[in-house]
Amino acid sequence: MTALFWKLVVTALCFLEVPGVSAVPGLRNKYGVWLSMAQPYVYELGQRCGADTGCLVSLYKEEGIGEDPLGEYQLEREHYNTSSGTTLILSARTYDNGIQIFKHEFPDGLKGNY
């Protein structure tokens, strides 16, 4: 298959509407397939560390609205700690024009993760 074919497939997916699917609960999908934050994990001391293994603990969630040069957005942010004390912050911004931005932060750096 050609590169043009795959570009057309990706373009079509961007405009495919999936009712009720959203990165931010309650946000109506008008522009395409919304992505959402999957269950997070990191590697700590060579082992997979996630909520399912008990070493990645959700501390709290934040939701809000904001505006930046890309426009108005809805924000979903979740704070986690690992068993060694590493802080992980995951966030998703969903803009009114359909753009989505995902970000992960380690505000105190990495401790024992590789």
Protein backbone atom coordinates (compact mmCIF):
# COMPACT_ATOMS: atom_id res chain seq x y z
CA MET A 1 0.00 0.00 0.00
CA THR A 2 1.20 3.47 -0.77
CA ALA A 3 2.06 6.30 1.58
CA LEU A 4 -0.79 8.32 0.07
CA PHE A 5 -3.27 5.58 1.02
CA TRP A 6 -2.15 5.64 4.67
CA LYS A 7 -2.28 9.44 4.75
CA LEU A 8 -5.88 9.26 3.53
CA VAL A 9 -6.76 6.64 6.16
CA VAL A 10 -5.31 8.79 8.94
CA THR A 11 -7.10 11.87 7.59
CA ALA A 12 -10.41 9.97 7.47
CA LEU A 13 -9.96 8.79 11.07
CA CYS A 14 -9.46 12.40 12.17
CA PHE A 15 -12.96 13.23 10.97
CA LEU A 16 -14.71 10.05 12.07
CA GLU A 17 -17.20 10.79 14.83
CA VAL A 18 -17.61 8.38 17.72
CA PRO A 19 -20.54 9.59 19.84
CA GLY A 20 -19.93 9.59 23.56
CA VAL A 21 -16.17 8.93 23.38
CA SER A 22 -14.09 11.67 24.93
CA ALA A 23 -10.77 12.31 26.66
CA VAL A 24 -12.66 14.51 29.09
CA PRO A 25 -15.88 13.06 30.53
CA GLY A 26 -18.93 15.02 29.42
CA LEU A 27 -17.21 16.66 26.44
CA ARG A 28 -19.21 16.05 23.28
CA ASN A 29 -17.21 14.77 20.33
CA LYS A 30 -17.66 16.99 17.26
CA TYR A 31 -14.37 16.66 15.42
CA GLY A 32 -13.17 13.08 15.29
CA VAL A 33 -11.90 10.13 17.25
CA TRP A 34 -10.98 11.30 20.74
CA LEU A 35 -8.03 9.73 22.42
CA SER A 36 -8.09 9.12 26.15
CA MET A 37 -5.50 8.56 28.83
CA ALA A 38 -4.82 4.86 29.28
CA GLN A 39 -3.90 3.21 32.57
CA PRO A 40 -0.44 4.68 33.36
CA TYR A 41 2.71 2.80 34.30
CA VAL A 42 6.43 3.46 34.67
CA TYR A 43 9.41 1.17 35.16
CA GLU A 44 10.95 1.30 38.63
CA LEU A 45 14.12 -0.67 39.39
CA GLY A 46 13.54 -2.68 36.23
CA GLN A 47 9.98 -3.71 37.14
CA ARG A 48 6.73 -2.51 35.62
CA CYS A 49 5.04 -0.22 38.14
CA GLY A 50 1.35 0.53 37.64
CA ALA A 51 -1.92 0.78 39.53
CA ASP A 52 -2.53 -2.89 38.71
CA THR A 53 0.71 -3.89 40.51
CA GLY A 54 0.04 -1.62 43.47
CA CYS A 55 3.17 0.50 43.24
CA LEU A 56 1.65 3.46 41.34
CA VAL A 57 -0.92 5.20 43.51
CA SER A 58 -3.33 7.90 42.33
CA LEU A 59 -3.17 10.84 44.74
CA TYR A 60 -5.81 13.16 43.29
CA LYS A 61 -7.44 14.36 40.07
CA GLU A 62 -8.07 17.87 38.79
CA GLU A 63 -10.42 19.10 36.10
CA GLY A 64 -10.75 22.61 34.81
CA ILE A 65 -10.86 24.96 31.88
CA GLY A 66 -8.26 27.34 30.52
CA GLU A 67 -7.04 29.25 27.53
CA ASP A 68 -3.67 29.54 25.81
CA PRO A 69 -2.48 30.56 22.31
CA LEU A 70 -4.19 27.45 20.83
CA GLY A 71 -7.58 28.46 22.24
CA GLU A 72 -9.91 27.44 25.05
CA TYR A 73 -9.50 23.95 26.47
CA GLN A 74 -10.80 21.54 29.09
CA LEU A 75 -8.12 20.06 31.33
CA GLU A 76 -7.93 16.67 33.01
CA ARG A 77 -4.88 16.09 35.25
CA GLU A 78 -4.04 13.20 37.60
CA HIS A 79 -1.21 13.05 40.16
CA TYR A 80 0.49 9.74 41.06
CA ASN A 81 3.29 8.53 43.36
CA THR A 82 5.40 5.41 42.98
CA SER A 83 6.54 3.28 45.90
CA SER A 84 9.99 4.94 45.75
CA GLY A 85 8.43 8.41 45.97
CA THR A 86 8.58 9.49 42.32
CA THR A 87 5.78 11.90 41.45
CA LEU A 88 4.12 11.49 38.04
CA ILE A 89 1.58 13.97 36.67
CA LEU A 90 -0.45 13.06 33.58
CA SER A 91 -2.62 15.64 31.85
CA ALA A 92 -4.82 15.96 28.79
CA ARG A 93 -6.00 19.21 27.23
CA THR A 94 -8.94 19.02 24.84
CA TYR A 95 -9.49 22.20 22.83
CA ASP A 96 -12.76 23.51 21.42
CA ASN A 97 -11.36 23.10 17.88
CA GLY A 98 -10.68 19.37 18.38
CA ILE A 99 -6.95 19.48 19.17
CA GLN A 100 -5.81 17.22 22.00
CA ILE A 101 -2.51 17.52 23.86
CA PHE A 102 -1.22 14.89 26.29
CA LYS A 103 1.60 15.60 28.72
CA HIS A 104 3.50 13.69 31.39
CA GLU A 105 5.69 15.32 34.02
CA PHE A 106 8.13 14.16 36.67
CA PRO A 107 8.32 17.41 38.71
CA ASP A 108 10.93 16.08 41.16
CA GLY A 109 12.90 14.12 38.57
CA LEU A 110 13.18 10.34 38.41
CA LYS A 111 14.15 8.21 41.40
CA GLY A 112 15.12 4.62 40.68
CA ASN A 113 13.22 4.57 37.36
CA TYR A 114 14.78 3.28 34.16
